[in-house]
């Protein structure tokens, strides 16, 4: 399992897609974004076009761990983009045990025979958020990122489009 993190527009998705393409011919992509508004619909369309038809894509905003388990062994590599969007989906659904879902996702990715590449945002470098939900999200994202980094065989930090392997 490989974890790629960084801030917004740091180049992490581009780097992850390059790693995915270098991993083989049978490639999968788990997209966690949901098309809530016109801008997000345009972004999703643009990302689909960037990936092209050679990469099998699943739009999976919630059941990422189950998708990894279902597809394990069928692909050379699977890219999950991104953990923080997935986490916000889980938290806003209000029907999940967030900690249990985070553990399940990390365990399924770390235990897969298929190479799994996880993309995540680092949201803890800024100021303390003003509202309770934002603070809860920031804390949960930090905890999820630490858990994923601990189990990952590689961790990459992206900044200004430049990657640094830190593990």
Foldseek 3Di string as FASTA:
>chain_A
DEEEEEAPPLQRVVVVLVVQVVQDQFAEEEEQDDCPDDVSVVVVVVVDVVNDDSYHYDDDNEPQLVVLVVCFPVGQEYEYPADLSSLVSQVVVVPDPSVVSLVSNLCSQLPGPHNYYYYYYQPPPDDQDDDDVVNVSNVSRVVSVVSNVVSDPWYWYGGNSDIDIPD
